[in-house]
């Protein structure tokens, strides 16, 4: 298999590893957008769409990410780390951890200045709010979701 994360996990490619156990590892991202951006991944290959992952593996995967987040909190004196699993880019399950530098309180209401809307995936996920959507429109979308999942 020609998977870059499998090659990192096997030691074939070097990485800046910060933690590992028998099943998972955490490495610093090679193209971070914030100091300490970390990738947590299983050492064995799993498809990047984590919603298809076996539940017991997914639970341990989350706990590995939680461990990585605690390490980042301690290292940078921050109180929060963001976690993203978009499942794109490299087809090997991985969780991205983003240290939220400058956040020292466990919770403080914060909002981005701008609002965004995406009609399709553009290669990244944003947590910015979008424009306000009327309740009637949300109710229609909820109806569509429920109907498409009715037995």
C-alpha atoms as a PDB file:
ATOM      1  CA  UNK A   1       0.000   0.000   0.000  1.00  0.00           C
ATOM      2  CA  UNK A   2       1.312   3.435  -0.910  1.00  0.00           C
ATOM      3  CA  UNK A   3      -0.011   5.294   2.153  1.00  0.00           C
ATOM      4  CA  UNK A   4       2.188   8.046   3.585  1.00  0.00           C
ATOM      5  CA  UNK A   5       0.755   7.573   7.103  1.00  0.00           C
ATOM      6  CA  UNK A   6       1.392   3.811   6.976  1.00  0.00           C
ATOM      7  CA  UNK A   7       4.983   4.610   6.011  1.00  0.00           C
ATOM      8  CA  UNK A   8       5.277   7.025   8.941  1.00  0.00           C
ATOM      9  CA  UNK A   9       3.745   4.485  11.339  1.00  0.00           C
ATOM     10  CA  UNK A  10       6.158   1.768  10.187  1.00  0.00           C
ATOM     11  CA  UNK A  11       9.168   4.088  10.523  1.00  0.00           C
ATOM     12  CA  UNK A  12       9.850   4.063   6.781  1.00  0.00           C
ATOM     13  CA  UNK A  13       9.369   7.853   6.772  1.00  0.00           C
ATOM     14  CA  UNK A  14      10.561  10.124   9.600  1.00  0.00           C
ATOM     15  CA  UNK A  15       8.171  12.142  11.738  1.00  0.00           C
ATOM     16  CA  UNK A  16       8.147  14.424  14.756  1.00  0.00           C
ATOM     17  CA  UNK A  17       6.422  11.950  17.079  1.00  0.00           C
ATOM     18  CA  UNK A  18       5.110  13.256  20.395  1.00  0.00           C
ATOM     19  CA  UNK A  19       3.321  10.129  21.669  1.00  0.00           C
ATOM     20  CA  UNK A  20       2.529   6.538  20.820  1.00  0.00           C
ATOM     21  CA  UNK A  21       1.180   3.332  22.224  1.00  0.00           C
ATOM     22  CA  UNK A  22       0.786  -0.073  20.598  1.00  0.00           C
ATOM     23  CA  UNK A  23      -2.157   1.023  18.437  1.00  0.00           C
ATOM     24  CA  UNK A  24      -1.920   4.783  17.829  1.00  0.00           C
ATOM     25  CA  UNK A  25       0.591   7.579  17.428  1.00  0.00           C
ATOM     26  CA  UNK A  26       0.594  11.368  17.503  1.00  0.00           C
ATOM     27  CA  UNK A  27       2.918  13.400  15.287  1.00  0.00           C
ATOM     28  CA  UNK A  28       3.360  17.077  14.547  1.00  0.00           C
ATOM     29  CA  UNK A  29       1.840  18.040  11.199  1.00  0.00           C
ATOM     30  CA  UNK A  30       4.372  18.770   8.466  1.00  0.00           C
ATOM     31  CA  UNK A  31       2.348  21.745   7.203  1.00  0.00           C
ATOM     32  CA  UNK A  32       0.830  23.260  10.348  1.00  0.00           C
ATOM     33  CA  UNK A  33      -1.271  26.407  10.422  1.00  0.00           C
ATOM     34  CA  UNK A  34      -0.644  26.811  14.162  1.00  0.00           C
ATOM     35  CA  UNK A  35       2.267  25.858  16.450  1.00  0.00           C
ATOM     36  CA  UNK A  36       1.811  22.307  17.707  1.00  0.00           C
ATOM     37  CA  UNK A  37      -0.808  21.185  15.165  1.00  0.00           C
ATOM     38  CA  UNK A  38      -0.880  17.439  15.707  1.00  0.00           C
ATOM     39  CA  UNK A  39      -2.106  14.399  13.787  1.00  0.00           C
ATOM     40  CA  UNK A  40      -3.292  11.381  15.754  1.00  0.00           C
ATOM     41  CA  UNK A  41      -3.548   8.185  13.718  1.00  0.00           C
ATOM     42  CA  UNK A  42      -3.866   4.450  14.054  1.00  0.00           C
ATOM     43  CA  UNK A  43      -0.661   2.593  13.275  1.00  0.00           C
ATOM     44  CA  UNK A  44      -2.637   0.069  11.210  1.00  0.00           C
ATOM     45  CA  UNK A  45      -4.346   1.333   8.098  1.00  0.00           C
ATOM     46  CA  UNK A  46      -7.990   2.366   8.485  1.00  0.00           C
ATOM     47  CA  UNK A  47      -9.951   4.218   5.816  1.00  0.00           C
ATOM     48  CA  UNK A  48     -10.157   7.968   6.431  1.00  0.00           C
ATOM     49  CA  UNK A  49     -13.957   7.947   6.728  1.00  0.00           C
ATOM     50  CA  UNK A  50     -13.973   7.280  10.462  1.00  0.00           C
ATOM     51  CA  UNK A  51     -17.739   6.786  10.634  1.00  0.00           C
ATOM     52  CA  UNK A  52     -17.103   3.383   9.012  1.00  0.00           C
ATOM     53  CA  UNK A  53     -14.543   2.451  11.689  1.00  0.00           C
ATOM     54  CA  UNK A  54     -15.392  -0.327  14.156  1.00  0.00           C
ATOM     55  CA  UNK A  55     -16.863   1.214  17.299  1.00  0.00           C
ATOM     56  CA  UNK A  56     -14.291  -0.228  19.705  1.00  0.00           C
ATOM     57  CA  UNK A  57     -11.419   1.079  17.562  1.00  0.00           C
ATOM     58  CA  UNK A  58     -13.144   4.455  17.196  1.00  0.00           C
ATOM     59  CA  UNK A  59     -13.530   4.720  20.977  1.00  0.00           C
ATOM     60  CA  UNK A  60      -9.821   4.017  21.545  1.00  0.00           C
ATOM     61  CA  UNK A  61      -8.974   6.417  18.702  1.00  0.00           C
ATOM     62  CA  UNK A  62     -10.876   9.204  20.448  1.00  0.00           C
ATOM     63  CA  UNK A  63      -9.096   8.431  23.726  1.00  0.00           C
ATOM     64  CA  UNK A  64      -5.732   8.624  21.946  1.00  0.00           C
ATOM     65  CA  UNK A  65      -6.716  12.047  20.603  1.00  0.00           C
ATOM     66  CA  UNK A  66      -7.830  13.117  24.073  1.00  0.00           C
ATOM     67  CA  UNK A  67      -4.404  12.134  25.397  1.00  0.00           C
ATOM     68  CA  UNK A  68      -2.739  14.179  22.652  1.00  0.00           C
ATOM     69  CA  UNK A  69      -4.932  17.173  23.466  1.00  0.00           C
ATOM     70  CA  UNK A  70      -3.981  17.003  27.150  1.00  0.00           C
ATOM     71  CA  UNK A  71      -0.307  16.955  26.157  1.00  0.00           C
ATOM     72  CA  UNK A  72      -0.780  20.071  24.014  1.00  0.00           C
ATOM     73  CA  UNK A  73      -2.667  21.869  26.801  1.00  0.00           C
ATOM     74  CA  UNK A  74       0.177  21.223  29.230  1.00  0.00           C
ATOM     75  CA  UNK A  75       2.955  22.054  26.756  1.00  0.00           C
ATOM     76  CA  UNK A  76       1.476  25.378  25.646  1.00  0.00           C
ATOM     77  CA  UNK A  77      -0.361  26.489  28.800  1.00  0.00           C
ATOM     78  CA  UNK A  78      -3.702  26.552  26.996  1.00  0.00           C
ATOM     79  CA  UNK A  79      -7.069  25.270  28.124  1.00  0.00           C
ATOM     80  CA  UNK A  80      -8.597  24.154  24.830  1.00  0.00           C
ATOM     81  CA  UNK A  81      -7.639  22.169  21.742  1.00  0.00           C
ATOM     82  CA  UNK A  82      -9.845  21.891  18.658  1.00  0.00           C
ATOM     83  CA  UNK A  83     -10.357  18.475  17.052  1.00  0.00           C
ATOM     84  CA  UNK A  84     -11.217  17.886  13.382  1.00  0.00           C
ATOM     85  CA  UNK A  85     -11.816  14.682  11.415  1.00  0.00           C
ATOM     86  CA  UNK A  86     -12.785  15.646   7.899  1.00  0.00           C
ATOM     87  CA  UNK A  87     -11.600  12.436   6.230  1.00  0.00           C
ATOM     88  CA  UNK A  88     -10.006  14.117   3.219  1.00  0.00           C
ATOM     89  CA  UNK A  89      -6.441  14.541   2.009  1.00  0.00           C
ATOM     90  CA  UNK A  90      -4.734  11.327   3.104  1.00  0.00           C
ATOM     91  CA  UNK A  91      -6.901   8.187   3.002  1.00  0.00           C
ATOM     92  CA  UNK A  92      -5.763   6.954   6.409  1.00  0.00           C
ATOM     93  CA  UNK A  93      -7.856   7.746   9.479  1.00  0.00           C
ATOM     94  CA  UNK A  94      -6.445  10.701  11.365  1.00  0.00           C
ATOM     95  CA  UNK A  95      -7.596  13.290  13.841  1.00  0.00           C
ATOM     96  CA  UNK A  96      -6.227  16.811  13.597  1.00  0.00           C
ATOM     97  CA  UNK A  97      -5.590  18.620  16.874  1.00  0.00           C
ATOM     98  CA  UNK A  98      -5.256  22.409  16.825  1.00  0.00           C
ATOM     99  CA  UNK A  99      -3.933  24.082  19.978  1.00  0.00           C
ATOM    100  CA  UNK A 100      -6.051  27.186  20.571  1.00  0.00           C
ATOM    101  CA  UNK A 101      -3.223  29.532  21.504  1.00  0.00           C
ATOM    102  CA  UNK A 102      -4.334  32.538  23.506  1.00  0.00           C
ATOM    103  CA  UNK A 103      -7.262  30.677  25.072  1.00  0.00           C
ATOM    104  CA  UNK A 104      -6.530  30.287  28.762  1.00  0.00           C
ATOM    105  CA  UNK A 105     -10.061  29.954  30.121  1.00  0.00           C
ATOM    106  CA  UNK A 106     -11.989  26.676  29.908  1.00  0.00           C
ATOM    107  CA  UNK A 107     -14.812  28.539  28.164  1.00  0.00           C
ATOM    108  CA  UNK A 108     -15.110  32.025  26.816  1.00  0.00           C
ATOM    109  CA  UNK A 109     -17.663  32.875  24.170  1.00  0.00           C
ATOM    110  CA  UNK A 110     -15.813  33.737  20.975  1.00  0.00           C
ATOM    111  CA  UNK A 111     -17.098  34.251  17.444  1.00  0.00           C
ATOM    112  CA  UNK A 112     -15.374  34.847  14.114  1.00  0.00           C
ATOM    113  CA  UNK A 113     -15.935  38.271  12.546  1.00  0.00           C
ATOM    114  CA  UNK A 114     -17.149  37.002   9.192  1.00  0.00           C
ATOM    115  CA  UNK A 115     -19.834  34.506   8.238  1.00  0.00           C
ATOM    116  CA  UNK A 116     -19.364  31.938   5.482  1.00  0.00           C
ATOM    117  CA  UNK A 117     -21.484  29.511   3.435  1.00  0.00           C
ATOM    118  CA  UNK A 118     -20.250  26.554   1.396  1.00  0.00           C
ATOM    119  CA  UNK A 119     -22.293  24.913  -1.344  1.00  0.00           C
ATOM    120  CA  UNK A 120     -19.623  22.222  -1.641  1.00  0.00           C
ATOM    121  CA  UNK A 121     -16.477  21.044   0.131  1.00  0.00           C
ATOM    122  CA  UNK A 122     -13.540  23.286  -0.859  1.00  0.00           C
ATOM    123  CA  UNK A 123     -10.737  21.324   0.805  1.00  0.00           C
ATOM    124  CA  UNK A 124     -11.170  22.609   4.336  1.00  0.00           C
ATOM    125  CA  UNK A 125     -13.700  22.793   7.154  1.00  0.00           C
ATOM    126  CA  UNK A 126     -14.517  26.041   8.932  1.00  0.00           C
ATOM    127  CA  UNK A 127     -16.223  26.550  12.257  1.00  0.00           C
ATOM    128  CA  UNK A 128     -17.305  30.065  11.323  1.00  0.00           C
ATOM    129  CA  UNK A 129     -21.024  30.651  11.504  1.00  0.00           C
ATOM    130  CA  UNK A 130     -22.922  31.014   8.274  1.00  0.00           C
ATOM    131  CA  UNK A 131     -25.699  33.462   7.492  1.00  0.00           C
ATOM    132  CA  UNK A 132     -28.846  33.132   9.591  1.00  0.00           C
ATOM    133  CA  UNK A 133     -31.207  30.475   8.215  1.00  0.00           C
ATOM    134  CA  UNK A 134     -34.948  30.823   8.862  1.00  0.00           C
ATOM    135  CA  UNK A 135     -36.519  28.172  11.080  1.00  0.00           C
ATOM    136  CA  UNK A 136     -38.881  27.115   8.261  1.00  0.00           C
ATOM    137  CA  UNK A 137     -35.910  26.293   6.012  1.00  0.00           C
ATOM    138  CA  UNK A 138     -34.186  24.344   8.811  1.00  0.00           C
ATOM    139  CA  UNK A 139     -37.427  22.457   9.471  1.00  0.00           C
ATOM    140  CA  UNK A 140     -37.632  21.462   5.791  1.00  0.00           C
ATOM    141  CA  UNK A 141     -34.052  20.191   5.822  1.00  0.00           C
ATOM    142  CA  UNK A 142     -34.764  18.265   9.032  1.00  0.00           C
ATOM    143  CA  UNK A 143     -37.834  16.713   7.380  1.00  0.00           C
ATOM    144  CA  UNK A 144     -35.751  15.621   4.366  1.00  0.00           C
ATOM    145  CA  UNK A 145     -33.142  14.038   6.628  1.00  0.00           C
ATOM    146  CA  UNK A 146     -35.740  12.185   8.698  1.00  0.00           C
ATOM    147  CA  UNK A 147     -37.690  10.986   5.656  1.00  0.00           C
ATOM    148  CA  UNK A 148     -34.593   9.674   3.915  1.00  0.00           C
ATOM    149  CA  UNK A 149     -33.762   7.672   7.061  1.00  0.00           C
ATOM    150  CA  UNK A 150     -37.258   6.333   7.818  1.00  0.00           C
ATOM    151  CA  UNK A 151     -37.491   2.554   7.859  1.00  0.00           C
END
